[in-house]
Amino acid sequence: IARRAHDELLAHRSEEQVSLLVNPQAENGTVKALYE
């Protein structure tokens, strides 16, 4: 569901790229790995 919400947010945007910030320690690094 998180990926679907992410993709839906970006689906109709006019921008060409997306940036985000993540705490590399969140959930022992699994959140950053998910974004990767």
PDB file of all heavy atoms in Angstrom:
ATOM      1  N   ILE A   1       0.828  -1.212   0.000  1.00  0.00           N
ATOM      2  CA  ILE A   1       0.000   0.000   0.000  1.00  0.00           C
ATOM      3  C   ILE A   1       0.860   1.258   0.000  1.00  0.00           C
ATOM      4  O   ILE A   1       0.526   2.237  -0.682  1.00  0.00           O
ATOM      5  CB  ILE A   1      -0.998  -0.017   1.174  1.00  0.00           C
ATOM      6  CG1 ILE A   1      -2.013  -1.137   0.947  1.00  0.00           C
ATOM      7  CG2 ILE A   1      -1.706   1.332   1.318  1.00  0.00           C
ATOM      8  CD1 ILE A   1      -2.942  -1.387   2.102  1.00  0.00           C
ATOM      9  N   ALA A   2       1.972   1.257   0.710  1.00  0.00           N
ATOM     10  CA  ALA A   2       2.843   2.440   0.716  1.00  0.00           C
ATOM     11  C   ALA A   2       3.340   2.729  -0.696  1.00  0.00           C
ATOM     12  O   ALA A   2       3.345   3.883  -1.135  1.00  0.00           O
ATOM     13  CB  ALA A   2       4.022   2.241   1.665  1.00  0.00           C
ATOM     14  N   ARG A   3       3.720   1.707  -1.425  1.00  0.00           N
ATOM     15  CA  ARG A   3       4.200   1.900  -2.800  1.00  0.00           C
ATOM     16  C   ARG A   3       3.080   2.411  -3.692  1.00  0.00           C
ATOM     17  O   ARG A   3       3.272   3.281  -4.531  1.00  0.00           O
ATOM     18  CB  ARG A   3       4.775   0.587  -3.349  1.00  0.00           C
ATOM     19  CG  ARG A   3       5.240   0.650  -4.796  1.00  0.00           C
ATOM     20  CD  ARG A   3       6.404   1.641  -4.960  1.00  0.00           C
ATOM     21  NE  ARG A   3       6.760   1.874  -6.335  1.00  0.00           N
ATOM     22  CZ  ARG A   3       7.789   1.310  -6.950  1.00  0.00           C
ATOM     23  NH1 ARG A   3       8.560   0.452  -6.309  1.00  0.00           N
ATOM     24  NH2 ARG A   3       8.039   1.602  -8.193  1.00  0.00           N
ATOM     25  N   ARG A   4       1.878   1.886  -3.510  1.00  0.00           N
ATOM     26  CA  ARG A   4       0.751   2.345  -4.320  1.00  0.00           C
ATOM     27  C   ARG A   4       0.420   3.801  -4.032  1.00  0.00           C
ATOM     28  O   ARG A   4       0.121   4.571  -4.947  1.00  0.00           O
ATOM     29  CB  ARG A   4      -0.456   1.445  -4.110  1.00  0.00           C
ATOM     30  CG  ARG A   4      -0.246   0.082  -4.776  1.00  0.00           C
ATOM     31  CD  ARG A   4      -1.413  -0.844  -4.645  1.00  0.00           C
ATOM     32  NE  ARG A   4      -2.622  -0.264  -5.197  1.00  0.00           N
ATOM     33  CZ  ARG A   4      -3.844  -0.653  -4.833  1.00  0.00           C
ATOM     34  NH1 ARG A   4      -3.998  -1.598  -3.933  1.00  0.00           N
ATOM     35  NH2 ARG A   4      -4.898  -0.106  -5.378  1.00  0.00           N
ATOM     36  N   ALA A   5       0.479   4.204  -2.763  1.00  0.00           N
ATOM     37  CA  ALA A   5       0.226   5.610  -2.412  1.00  0.00           C
ATOM     38  C   ALA A   5       1.311   6.503  -3.020  1.00  0.00           C
ATOM     39  O   ALA A   5       1.019   7.555  -3.592  1.00  0.00           O
ATOM     40  CB  ALA A   5       0.159   5.780  -0.900  1.00  0.00           C
ATOM     41  N   HIS A   6       2.544   6.081  -2.910  1.00  0.00           N
ATOM     42  CA  HIS A   6       3.679   6.796  -3.507  1.00  0.00           C
ATOM     43  C   HIS A   6       3.473   6.963  -5.006  1.00  0.00           C
ATOM     44  O   HIS A   6       3.572   8.060  -5.546  1.00  0.00           O
ATOM     45  CB  HIS A   6       4.952   5.993  -3.204  1.00  0.00           C
ATOM     46  CG  HIS A   6       6.163   6.402  -3.964  1.00  0.00           C
ATOM     47  ND1 HIS A   6       6.443   5.932  -5.245  1.00  0.00           N
ATOM     48  CD2 HIS A   6       7.194   7.213  -3.623  1.00  0.00           C
ATOM     49  CE1 HIS A   6       7.583   6.440  -5.648  1.00  0.00           C
ATOM     50  NE2 HIS A   6       8.068   7.218  -4.689  1.00  0.00           N
ATOM     51  N   ASP A   7       3.169   5.869  -5.695  1.00  0.00           N
ATOM     52  CA  ASP A   7       3.006   5.904  -7.145  1.00  0.00           C
ATOM     53  C   ASP A   7       1.803   6.744  -7.559  1.00  0.00           C
ATOM     54  O   ASP A   7       1.851   7.453  -8.557  1.00  0.00           O
ATOM     55  CB  ASP A   7       2.880   4.485  -7.705  1.00  0.00           C
ATOM     56  CG  ASP A   7       4.181   3.705  -7.607  1.00  0.00           C
ATOM     57  OD1 ASP A   7       5.227   4.285  -7.244  1.00  0.00           O
ATOM     58  OD2 ASP A   7       4.146   2.486  -7.876  1.00  0.00           O
ATOM     59  N   GLU A   8       0.738   6.680  -6.781  1.00  0.00           N
ATOM     60  CA  GLU A   8      -0.451   7.486  -7.083  1.00  0.00           C
ATOM     61  C   GLU A   8      -0.141   8.975  -6.922  1.00  0.00           C
ATOM     62  O   GLU A   8      -0.577   9.789  -7.727  1.00  0.00           O
ATOM     63  CB  GLU A   8      -1.612   7.089  -6.178  1.00  0.00           C
ATOM     64  CG  GLU A   8      -2.882   7.871  -6.418  1.00  0.00           C
ATOM     65  CD  GLU A   8      -3.487   7.683  -7.816  1.00  0.00           C
ATOM     66  OE1 GLU A   8      -3.259   6.632  -8.443  1.00  0.00           O
ATOM     67  OE2 GLU A   8      -4.194   8.611  -8.269  1.00  0.00           O
ATOM     68  N   LEU A   9       0.618   9.315  -5.910  1.00  0.00           N
ATOM     69  CA  LEU A   9       0.997  10.715  -5.719  1.00  0.00           C
ATOM     70  C   LEU A   9       1.785  11.226  -6.928  1.00  0.00           C
ATOM     71  O   LEU A   9       1.588  12.356  -7.372  1.00  0.00           O
ATOM     72  CB  LEU A   9       1.833  10.884  -4.447  1.00  0.00           C
ATOM     73  CG  LEU A   9       2.312  12.298  -4.155  1.00  0.00           C
ATOM     74  CD1 LEU A   9       1.143  13.217  -3.841  1.00  0.00           C
ATOM     75  CD2 LEU A   9       3.303  12.294  -3.010  1.00  0.00           C
ATOM     76  N   LEU A  10       2.643  10.398  -7.489  1.00  0.00           N
ATOM     77  CA  LEU A  10       3.492  10.819  -8.602  1.00  0.00           C
ATOM     78  C   LEU A  10       2.845  10.662  -9.971  1.00  0.00           C
ATOM     79  O   LEU A  10       3.300  11.262 -10.939  1.00  0.00           O
ATOM     80  CB  LEU A  10       4.802  10.024  -8.577  1.00  0.00           C
ATOM     81  CG  LEU A  10       5.650  10.165  -7.322  1.00  0.00           C
ATOM     82  CD1 LEU A  10       6.881   9.289  -7.428  1.00  0.00           C
ATOM     83  CD2 LEU A  10       6.006  11.609  -7.047  1.00  0.00           C
ATOM     84  N   ALA A  11       1.778   9.885 -10.064  1.00  0.00           N
ATOM     85  CA  ALA A  11       1.205   9.491 -11.361  1.00  0.00           C
ATOM     86  C   ALA A  11       0.823  10.660 -12.263  1.00  0.00           C
ATOM     87  O   ALA A  11       0.974  10.559 -13.475  1.00  0.00           O
ATOM     88  CB  ALA A  11      -0.006   8.591 -11.142  1.00  0.00           C
ATOM     89  N   HIS A  12       0.343  11.729 -11.711  1.00  0.00           N
ATOM     90  CA  HIS A  12      -0.162  12.827 -12.540  1.00  0.00           C
ATOM     91  C   HIS A  12       0.646  14.113 -12.368  1.00  0.00           C
ATOM     92  O   HIS A  12       0.210  15.173 -12.803  1.00  0.00           O
ATOM     93  CB  HIS A  12      -1.637  13.068 -12.241  1.00  0.00           C
ATOM     94  CG  HIS A  12      -2.445  11.821 -12.362  1.00  0.00           C
ATOM     95  ND1 HIS A  12      -2.737  11.237 -13.568  1.00  0.00           N
ATOM     96  CD2 HIS A  12      -2.967  11.002 -11.418  1.00  0.00           C
ATOM     97  CE1 HIS A  12      -3.427  10.135 -13.372  1.00  0.00           C
ATOM     98  NE2 HIS A  12      -3.573   9.971 -12.074  1.00  0.00           N
ATOM     99  N   ARG A  13       1.808  14.002 -11.744  1.00  0.00           N
ATOM    100  CA  ARG A  13       2.664  15.165 -11.548  1.00  0.00           C
ATOM    101  C   ARG A  13       3.349  15.525 -12.864  1.00  0.00           C
ATOM    102  O   ARG A  13       3.617  14.656 -13.686  1.00  0.00           O
ATOM    103  CB  ARG A  13       3.744  14.882 -10.494  1.00  0.00           C
ATOM    104  CG  ARG A  13       3.254  14.457  -9.118  1.00  0.00           C
ATOM    105  CD  ARG A  13       2.665  15.524  -8.299  1.00  0.00           C
ATOM    106  NE  ARG A  13       3.481  16.715  -8.187  1.00  0.00           N
ATOM    107  CZ  ARG A  13       3.259  17.654  -7.297  1.00  0.00           C
ATOM    108  NH1 ARG A  13       2.268  17.558  -6.453  1.00  0.00           N
ATOM    109  NH2 ARG A  13       4.027  18.725  -7.266  1.00  0.00           N
ATOM    110  N   SER A  14       3.665  16.798 -13.029  1.00  0.00           N
ATOM    111  CA  SER A  14       4.356  17.234 -14.245  1.00  0.00           C
ATOM    112  C   SER A  14       5.880  17.168 -14.099  1.00  0.00           C
ATOM    113  O   SER A  14       6.589  17.233 -15.095  1.00  0.00           O
ATOM    114  CB  SER A  14       3.931  18.655 -14.604  1.00  0.00           C
ATOM    115  OG  SER A  14       4.319  19.548 -13.574  1.00  0.00           O
ATOM    116  N   GLU A  15       6.378  17.030 -12.869  1.00  0.00           N
ATOM    117  CA  GLU A  15       7.821  16.994 -12.652  1.00  0.00           C
ATOM    118  C   GLU A  15       8.438  15.725 -13.258  1.00  0.00           C
ATOM    119  O   GLU A  15       7.756  14.724 -13.451  1.00  0.00           O
ATOM    120  CB  GLU A  15       8.150  17.059 -11.154  1.00  0.00           C
ATOM    121  CG  GLU A  15       7.734  18.342 -10.485  1.00  0.00           C
ATOM    122  CD  GLU A  15       6.315  18.324  -9.937  1.00  0.00           C
ATOM    123  OE1 GLU A  15       5.589  17.325 -10.137  1.00  0.00           O
ATOM    124  OE2 GLU A  15       5.910  19.310  -9.310  1.00  0.00           O
ATOM    125  N   GLU A  16       9.730  15.788 -13.506  1.00  0.00           N
ATOM    126  CA  GLU A  16      10.443  14.675 -14.124  1.00  0.00           C
ATOM    127  C   GLU A  16      11.182  13.795 -13.131  1.00  0.00           C
ATOM    128  O   GLU A  16      11.580  12.671 -13.461  1.00  0.00           O
ATOM    129  CB  GLU A  16      11.444  15.206 -15.152  1.00  0.00           C
ATOM    130  CG  GLU A  16      10.778  15.956 -16.285  1.00  0.00           C
ATOM    131  CD  GLU A  16      11.780  16.643 -17.190  1.00  0.00           C
ATOM    132  OE1 GLU A  16      12.941  16.188 -17.273  1.00  0.00           O
ATOM    133  OE2 GLU A  16      11.385  17.641 -17.823  1.00  0.00           O
ATOM    134  N   GLN A  17      11.400  14.313 -11.912  1.00  0.00           N
ATOM    135  CA  GLN A  17      12.094  13.509 -10.901  1.00  0.00           C
ATOM    136  C   GLN A  17      11.501  13.791  -9.528  1.00  0.00           C
ATOM    137  O   GLN A  17      10.800  14.780  -9.329  1.00  0.00           O
ATOM    138  CB  GLN A  17      13.604  13.772 -10.920  1.00  0.00           C
ATOM    139  CG  GLN A  17      14.006  15.185 -10.605  1.00  0.00           C
ATOM    140  CD  GLN A  17      15.504  15.423 -10.760  1.00  0.00           C
ATOM    141  OE1 GLN A  17      16.259  14.551 -11.196  1.00  0.00           O
ATOM    142  NE2 GLN A  17      15.961  16.605 -10.392  1.00  0.00           N
ATOM    143  N   VAL A  18      11.811  12.887  -8.598  1.00  0.00           N
ATOM    144  CA  VAL A  18      11.311  12.996  -7.233  1.00  0.00           C
ATOM    145  C   VAL A  18      12.478  12.816  -6.271  1.00  0.00           C
ATOM    146  O   VAL A  18      13.357  11.987  -6.487  1.00  0.00           O
ATOM    147  CB  VAL A  18      10.177  11.972  -6.963  1.00  0.00           C
ATOM    148  CG1 VAL A  18      10.614  10.546  -7.252  1.00  0.00           C
ATOM    149  CG2 VAL A  18       9.643  12.093  -5.538  1.00  0.00           C
ATOM    150  N   SER A  19      12.466  13.630  -5.226  1.00  0.00           N
ATOM    151  CA  SER A  19      13.490  13.560  -4.195  1.00  0.00           C
ATOM    152  C   SER A  19      12.817  13.335  -2.850  1.00  0.00           C
ATOM    153  O   SER A  19      11.661  13.724  -2.644  1.00  0.00           O
ATOM    154  CB  SER A  19      14.299  14.868  -4.162  1.00  0.00           C
ATOM    155  OG  SER A  19      15.357  14.782  -3.229  1.00  0.00           O
ATOM    156  N   LEU A  20      13.536  12.701  -1.945  1.00  0.00           N
ATOM    157  CA  LEU A  20      13.026  12.506  -0.588  1.00  0.00           C
ATOM    158  C   LEU A  20      14.192  12.468   0.379  1.00  0.00           C
ATOM    159  O   LEU A  20      15.353  12.330  -0.026  1.00  0.00           O
ATOM    160  CB  LEU A  20      12.184  11.231  -0.484  1.00  0.00           C
ATOM    161  CG  LEU A  20      12.820   9.882  -0.835  1.00  0.00           C
ATOM    162  CD1 LEU A  20      13.688   9.327   0.276  1.00  0.00           C
ATOM    163  CD2 LEU A  20      11.736   8.872  -1.172  1.00  0.00           C
ATOM    164  N   LEU A  21      13.868  12.597   1.652  1.00  0.00           N
ATOM    165  CA  LEU A  21      14.839  12.467   2.727  1.00  0.00           C
ATOM    166  C   LEU A  21      14.432  11.276   3.578  1.00  0.00           C
ATOM    167  O   LEU A  21      13.253  11.068   3.840  1.00  0.00           O
ATOM    168  CB  LEU A  21      14.868  13.726   3.596  1.00  0.00           C
ATOM    169  CG  LEU A  21      15.216  15.033   2.914  1.00  0.00           C
ATOM    170  CD1 LEU A  21      15.070  16.199   3.895  1.00  0.00           C
ATOM    171  CD2 LEU A  21      16.623  14.980   2.362  1.00  0.00           C
ATOM    172  N   VAL A  22      15.409  10.521   4.022  1.00  0.00           N
ATOM    173  CA  VAL A  22      15.123   9.378   4.875  1.00  0.00           C
ATOM    174  C   VAL A  22      16.192   9.289   5.960  1.00  0.00           C
ATOM    175  O   VAL A  22      17.364   9.579   5.718  1.00  0.00           O
ATOM    176  CB  VAL A  22      15.056   8.061   4.051  1.00  0.00           C
ATOM    177  CG1 VAL A  22      16.384   7.749   3.383  1.00  0.00           C
ATOM    178  CG2 VAL A  22      14.585   6.892   4.901  1.00  0.00           C
ATOM    179  N   ASN A  23      15.753   8.926   7.141  1.00  0.00           N
ATOM    180  CA  ASN A  23      16.695   8.666   8.218  1.00  0.00           C
ATOM    181  C   ASN A  23      17.325   7.303   7.925  1.00  0.00           C
ATOM    182  O   ASN A  23      16.622   6.292   7.928  1.00  0.00           O
ATOM    183  CB  ASN A  23      15.978   8.656   9.565  1.00  0.00           C
ATOM    184  CG  ASN A  23      16.916   8.435  10.730  1.00  0.00           C
ATOM    185  OD1 ASN A  23      18.004   7.878  10.579  1.00  0.00           O
ATOM    186  ND2 ASN A  23      16.490   8.841  11.908  1.00  0.00           N
ATOM    187  N   PRO A  24      18.623   7.245   7.660  1.00  0.00           N
ATOM    188  CA  PRO A  24      19.227   5.970   7.287  1.00  0.00           C
ATOM    189  C   PRO A  24      19.185   4.933   8.409  1.00  0.00           C
ATOM    190  O   PRO A  24      19.366   3.740   8.153  1.00  0.00           O
ATOM    191  CB  PRO A  24      20.670   6.347   6.928  1.00  0.00           C
ATOM    192  CG  PRO A  24      20.928   7.623   7.643  1.00  0.00           C
ATOM    193  CD  PRO A  24      19.596   8.330   7.715  1.00  0.00           C
ATOM    194  N   GLN A  25      18.893   5.375   9.630  1.00  0.00           N
ATOM    195  CA  GLN A  25      18.803   4.450  10.763  1.00  0.00           C
ATOM    196  C   GLN A  25      17.381   3.939  10.998  1.00  0.00           C
ATOM    197  O   GLN A  25      17.187   3.015  11.789  1.00  0.00           O
ATOM    198  CB  GLN A  25      19.306   5.141  12.036  1.00  0.00           C
ATOM    199  CG  GLN A  25      20.714   5.708  11.918  1.00  0.00           C
ATOM    200  CD  GLN A  25      21.735   4.670  11.505  1.00  0.00           C
ATOM    201  OE1 GLN A  25      21.751   3.554  12.004  1.00  0.00           O
ATOM    202  NE2 GLN A  25      22.578   5.027  10.555  1.00  0.00           N
ATOM    203  N   ALA A  26      16.397   4.507  10.330  1.00  0.00           N
ATOM    204  CA  ALA A  26      14.992   4.124  10.557  1.00  0.00           C
ATOM    205  C   ALA A  26      14.793   2.636  10.288  1.00  0.00           C
ATOM    206  O   ALA A  26      15.196   2.126   9.235  1.00  0.00           O
ATOM    207  CB  ALA A  26      14.069   4.956   9.678  1.00  0.00           C
ATOM    208  N   GLU A  27      14.193   1.985  11.250  1.00  0.00           N
ATOM    209  CA  GLU A  27      13.917   0.545  11.144  1.00  0.00           C
ATOM    210  C   GLU A  27      15.180  -0.228  10.753  1.00  0.00           C
ATOM    211  O   GLU A  27      15.147  -1.132   9.923  1.00  0.00           O
ATOM    212  CB  GLU A  27      12.790   0.285  10.140  1.00  0.00           C
ATOM    213  CG  GLU A  27      11.492   0.997  10.432  1.00  0.00           C
ATOM    214  CD  GLU A  27      10.773   0.471  11.660  1.00  0.00           C
ATOM    215  OE1 GLU A  27      10.882  -0.737  11.967  1.00  0.00           O
ATOM    216  OE2 GLU A  27      10.118   1.293  12.336  1.00  0.00           O
ATOM    217  N   ASN A  28      16.292   0.150  11.376  1.00  0.00           N
ATOM    218  CA  ASN A  28      17.581  -0.512  11.122  1.00  0.00           C
ATOM    219  C   ASN A  28      17.981  -0.483   9.653  1.00  0.00           C
ATOM    220  O   ASN A  28      18.570  -1.447   9.145  1.00  0.00           O
ATOM    221  CB  ASN A  28      17.573  -1.945  11.646  1.00  0.00           C
ATOM    222  CG  ASN A  28      17.446  -1.995  13.155  1.00  0.00           C
ATOM    223  OD1 ASN A  28      18.107  -1.234  13.847  1.00  0.00           O
ATOM    224  ND2 ASN A  28      16.596  -2.868  13.653  1.00  0.00           N
ATOM    225  N   GLY A  29      17.657   0.606   8.957  1.00  0.00           N
ATOM    226  CA  GLY A  29      18.049   0.768   7.566  1.00  0.00           C
ATOM    227  C   GLY A  29      17.086   0.196   6.549  1.00  0.00           C
ATOM    228  O   GLY A  29      17.279   0.370   5.344  1.00  0.00           O
ATOM    229  N   THR A  30      16.014  -0.457   7.000  1.00  0.00           N
ATOM    230  CA  THR A  30      15.106  -1.083   6.037  1.00  0.00           C
ATOM    231  C   THR A  30      14.281  -0.063   5.255  1.00  0.00           C
ATOM    232  O   THR A  30      13.888  -0.336   4.124  1.00  0.00           O
ATOM    233  CB  THR A  30      14.171  -2.108   6.701  1.00  0.00           C
ATOM    234  OG1 THR A  30      13.396  -1.458   7.709  1.00  0.00           O
ATOM    235  CG2 THR A  30      14.957  -3.256   7.324  1.00  0.00           C
ATOM    236  N   VAL A  31      14.010   1.111   5.832  1.00  0.00           N
ATOM    237  CA  VAL A  31      13.238   2.129   5.111  1.00  0.00           C
ATOM    238  C   VAL A  31      14.069   2.654   3.934  1.00  0.00           C
ATOM    239  O   VAL A  31      13.583   2.743   2.810  1.00  0.00           O
ATOM    240  CB  VAL A  31      12.799   3.277   6.046  1.00  0.00           C
ATOM    241  CG1 VAL A  31      12.084   4.362   5.267  1.00  0.00           C
ATOM    242  CG2 VAL A  31      11.910   2.740   7.166  1.00  0.00           C
ATOM    243  N   LYS A  32      15.336   2.942   4.182  1.00  0.00           N
ATOM    244  CA  LYS A  32      16.219   3.394   3.100  1.00  0.00           C
ATOM    245  C   LYS A  32      16.343   2.297   2.037  1.00  0.00           C
ATOM    246  O   LYS A  32      16.286   2.571   0.838  1.00  0.00           O
ATOM    247  CB  LYS A  32      17.589   3.774   3.647  1.00  0.00           C
ATOM    248  CG  LYS A  32      18.536   4.306   2.589  1.00  0.00           C
ATOM    249  CD  LYS A  32      19.851   4.768   3.221  1.00  0.00           C
ATOM    250  CE  LYS A  32      20.810   5.266   2.183  1.00  0.00           C
ATOM    251  NZ  LYS A  32      21.521   4.185   1.506  1.00  0.00           N
ATOM    252  N   ALA A  33      16.495   1.069   2.460  1.00  0.00           N
ATOM    253  CA  ALA A  33      16.595  -0.052   1.510  1.00  0.00           C
ATOM    254  C   ALA A  33      15.319  -0.195   0.684  1.00  0.00           C
ATOM    255  O   ALA A  33      15.376  -0.522  -0.506  1.00  0.00           O
ATOM    256  CB  ALA A  33      16.893  -1.351   2.260  1.00  0.00           C
ATOM    257  N   LEU A  34      14.176   0.075   1.303  1.00  0.00           N
ATOM    258  CA  LEU A  34      12.908   0.024   0.563  1.00  0.00           C
ATOM    259  C   LEU A  34      12.923   1.066  -0.551  1.00  0.00           C
ATOM    260  O   LEU A  34      12.591   0.755  -1.704  1.00  0.00           O
ATOM    261  CB  LEU A  34      11.729   0.268   1.502  1.00  0.00           C
ATOM    262  CG  LEU A  34      10.355   0.323   0.840  1.00  0.00           C
ATOM    263  CD1 LEU A  34       9.962  -1.059   0.325  1.00  0.00           C
ATOM    264  CD2 LEU A  34       9.325   0.851   1.813  1.00  0.00           C
ATOM    265  N   TYR A  35      13.311   2.305  -0.221  1.00  0.00           N
ATOM    266  CA  TYR A  35      13.366   3.345  -1.247  1.00  0.00           C
ATOM    267  C   TYR A  35      14.369   2.987  -2.340  1.00  0.00           C
ATOM    268  O   TYR A  35      14.130   3.248  -3.515  1.00  0.00           O
ATOM    269  CB  TYR A  35      13.698   4.709  -0.633  1.00  0.00           C
ATOM    270  CG  TYR A  35      12.549   5.291   0.159  1.00  0.00           C
ATOM    271  CD1 TYR A  35      12.738   5.788   1.439  1.00  0.00           C
ATOM    272  CD2 TYR A  35      11.274   5.360  -0.379  1.00  0.00           C
ATOM    273  CE1 TYR A  35      11.685   6.334   2.165  1.00  0.00           C
ATOM    274  CE2 TYR A  35      10.215   5.897   0.328  1.00  0.00           C
ATOM    275  CZ  TYR A  35      10.425   6.380   1.603  1.00  0.00           C
ATOM    276  OH  TYR A  35       9.384   6.915   2.303  1.00  0.00           O
ATOM    277  N   GLU A  36      15.481   2.380  -1.974  1.00  0.00           N
ATOM    278  CA  GLU A  36      16.444   1.936  -2.987  1.00  0.00           C
ATOM    279  C   GLU A  36      15.805   0.902  -3.911  1.00  0.00           C
ATOM    280  O   GLU A  36      16.015   0.941  -5.126  1.00  0.00           O
ATOM    281  CB  GLU A  36      17.696   1.369  -2.323  1.00  0.00           C
ATOM    282  CG  GLU A  36      18.535   2.439  -1.657  1.00  0.00           C
ATOM    283  CD  GLU A  36      19.641   1.920  -0.781  1.00  0.00           C
ATOM    284  OE1 GLU A  36      19.568   0.759  -0.315  1.00  0.00           O
ATOM    285  OE2 GLU A  36      20.594   2.684  -0.542  1.00  0.00           O
TER     286      GLU A  36
END
